Amino acid sequence: MNRQDHALFANDTFYLAFAQKDFKAMERLWANAHATVCVHPGWPVITRRDEIVESWRRILTNPEQPGIDFYNATANAVGSLVMVTCYEEMPGSVCVATNGFVEEDGELRLFHHHSGPCANPPPPSGARSE
């Protein structure tokens, strides 16, 4: 499996943890040895791993949190990193997201997540691209 495919798999794992509200899986996905950054829609920038993990605990344990799906994921290697862009579909809105992955202990870990509203999102293509 090449790095882009590995990152797309890690991205799938991220959204599966989100959809299943699996806090432990979400916590395991985030990098430990690298700088991290997370921007949820409408939230300020979060850069400390412990605060990022806590933000996900709050989101995933919120019974009002709507379901989420993602589509049109594309992976691009940038040096030793892989950046995945995709669209997040929630009831009544679509956001565009960037998820960055870095290798730690032989696994790709999330070091960057940024999601924000998208005014004119494309329709789902039904296929991944690299």
Protein backbone atom coordinates (compact mmCIF):
# COMPACT_ATOMS: atom_id res chain seq x y z
CA MET A 1 0.00 0.00 0.00
CA ASN A 2 1.49 3.39 -0.95
CA ARG A 3 1.48 6.35 1.45
CA GLN A 4 -1.51 8.03 -0.22
CA ASP A 5 -3.60 4.85 0.04
CA HIS A 6 -2.46 4.41 3.64
CA ALA A 7 -3.55 8.01 4.38
CA LEU A 8 -6.93 7.44 2.72
CA PHE A 9 -7.38 4.37 4.93
CA ALA A 10 -6.41 6.42 8.01
CA ASN A 11 -8.89 9.09 6.87
CA ASP A 12 -11.60 6.41 6.59
CA THR A 13 -10.71 5.32 10.14
CA PHE A 14 -11.01 8.92 11.37
CA TYR A 15 -14.51 9.34 9.94
CA LEU A 16 -15.56 5.89 11.16
CA ALA A 17 -14.52 6.86 14.70
CA PHE A 18 -16.46 10.11 14.27
CA ALA A 19 -19.58 8.36 12.92
CA GLN A 20 -19.50 5.69 15.63
CA LYS A 21 -18.70 8.25 18.34
CA ASP A 22 -15.72 6.07 19.29
CA PHE A 23 -13.65 8.33 21.53
CA LYS A 24 -10.89 5.76 22.17
CA ALA A 25 -10.37 5.22 18.44
CA MET A 26 -10.31 8.99 17.87
CA GLU A 27 -7.77 9.47 20.65
CA ARG A 28 -5.49 6.76 19.17
CA LEU A 29 -5.56 8.45 15.75
CA TRP A 30 -3.96 11.69 16.94
CA ALA A 31 -0.17 12.11 16.81
CA ASN A 32 1.77 12.04 20.08
CA ALA A 33 5.29 13.00 18.97
CA HIS A 34 4.48 15.80 16.50
CA ALA A 35 2.90 19.23 16.73
CA THR A 36 -0.88 19.09 16.28
CA VAL A 37 -3.58 21.52 15.16
CA CYS A 38 -7.35 21.19 15.01
CA VAL A 39 -9.98 23.65 13.78
CA HIS A 40 -13.59 22.57 14.17
CA PRO A 41 -16.20 24.65 12.29
CA GLY A 42 -16.85 27.79 14.31
CA TRP A 43 -14.22 26.98 16.96
CA PRO A 44 -10.90 28.71 17.63
CA VAL A 45 -7.65 26.99 16.68
CA ILE A 46 -6.61 24.23 19.11
CA THR A 47 -2.92 23.25 19.14
CA ARG A 48 -2.30 21.19 22.26
CA ARG A 49 -2.94 17.46 21.86
CA ASP A 50 -4.68 17.15 25.22
CA GLU A 51 -7.05 20.00 24.31
CA ILE A 52 -7.69 18.48 20.87
CA VAL A 53 -8.52 15.11 22.43
CA GLU A 54 -10.81 16.83 24.94
CA SER A 55 -12.59 18.69 22.12
CA TRP A 56 -13.28 15.35 20.43
CA ARG A 57 -14.53 13.87 23.71
CA ARG A 58 -16.99 16.77 23.99
CA ILE A 59 -18.14 16.36 20.38
CA LEU A 60 -18.44 12.58 20.46
CA THR A 61 -20.31 12.45 23.77
CA ASN A 62 -22.76 15.19 22.75
CA PRO A 63 -26.14 13.50 22.12
CA GLU A 64 -27.11 16.44 19.86
CA GLN A 65 -24.12 15.91 17.56
CA PRO A 66 -25.50 15.15 14.09
CA GLY A 67 -24.29 12.25 11.98
CA ILE A 68 -21.53 12.89 9.48
CA ASP A 69 -20.42 11.36 6.21
CA PHE A 70 -17.52 12.29 3.97
CA TYR A 71 -16.88 12.12 0.25
CA ASN A 72 -14.44 12.99 -2.54
CA ALA A 73 -11.34 12.23 -0.46
CA THR A 74 -8.06 13.05 -2.22
CA ALA A 75 -4.59 12.34 -0.83
CA ASN A 76 -1.43 14.30 -1.67
CA ALA A 77 2.04 13.51 -0.35
CA VAL A 78 3.94 16.61 0.78
CA GLY A 79 7.44 15.59 1.79
CA SER A 80 7.05 13.14 4.67
CA LEU A 81 3.42 14.17 5.25
CA VAL A 82 0.21 13.21 3.49
CA MET A 83 -2.64 15.70 3.29
CA VAL A 84 -6.18 14.46 2.62
CA THR A 85 -8.91 16.83 1.48
CA CYS A 86 -12.57 15.86 1.47
CA TYR A 87 -16.08 17.11 2.04
CA GLU A 88 -18.04 16.45 5.22
CA GLU A 89 -21.79 16.11 4.83
CA MET A 90 -24.06 16.75 7.80
CA PRO A 91 -27.80 17.38 7.91
CA GLY A 92 -28.32 20.74 6.21
CA SER A 93 -24.69 21.59 5.49
CA VAL A 94 -21.45 20.54 3.86
CA CYS A 95 -17.97 21.44 5.09
CA VAL A 96 -14.64 21.12 3.33
CA ALA A 97 -11.92 19.47 5.42
CA THR A 98 -8.18 18.98 5.36
CA ASN A 99 -6.68 16.13 7.38
CA GLY A 100 -2.91 15.84 7.70
CA PHE A 101 -1.13 12.60 8.52
CA VAL A 102 2.42 11.95 9.70
CA GLU A 103 4.17 8.66 10.42
CA GLU A 104 4.73 7.68 14.05
CA ASP A 105 5.96 4.22 15.03
CA GLY A 106 5.12 2.80 11.61
CA GLU A 107 1.53 4.14 11.59
CA LEU A 108 0.04 7.26 10.05
CA ARG A 109 -1.31 9.56 12.75
CA LEU A 110 -3.45 12.65 12.43
CA PHE A 111 -1.58 15.87 13.19
CA HIS A 112 -3.92 18.33 11.44
CA HIS A 113 -7.70 18.61 11.04
CA HIS A 114 -9.40 21.73 9.70
CA SER A 115 -13.07 21.81 8.73
CA GLY A 116 -15.19 24.76 7.66
CA PRO A 117 -18.37 25.56 5.73
CA CYS A 118 -18.36 25.15 1.95
CA ALA A 119 -20.67 27.47 -0.01
CA ASN A 120 -20.78 25.48 -3.26
CA PRO A 121 -19.70 21.90 -2.60
CA PRO A 122 -19.39 19.49 -5.50
CA PRO A 123 -21.61 16.43 -5.58
CA PRO A 124 -20.08 13.14 -4.42
CA SER A 125 -18.05 11.55 -7.20
CA GLY A 126 -18.34 8.05 -5.80
CA ALA A 127 -14.63 7.43 -6.26
CA ARG A 128 -11.46 8.23 -4.35
CA SER A 129 -8.53 9.87 -6.03
CA GLU A 130 -4.83 10.26 -5.24
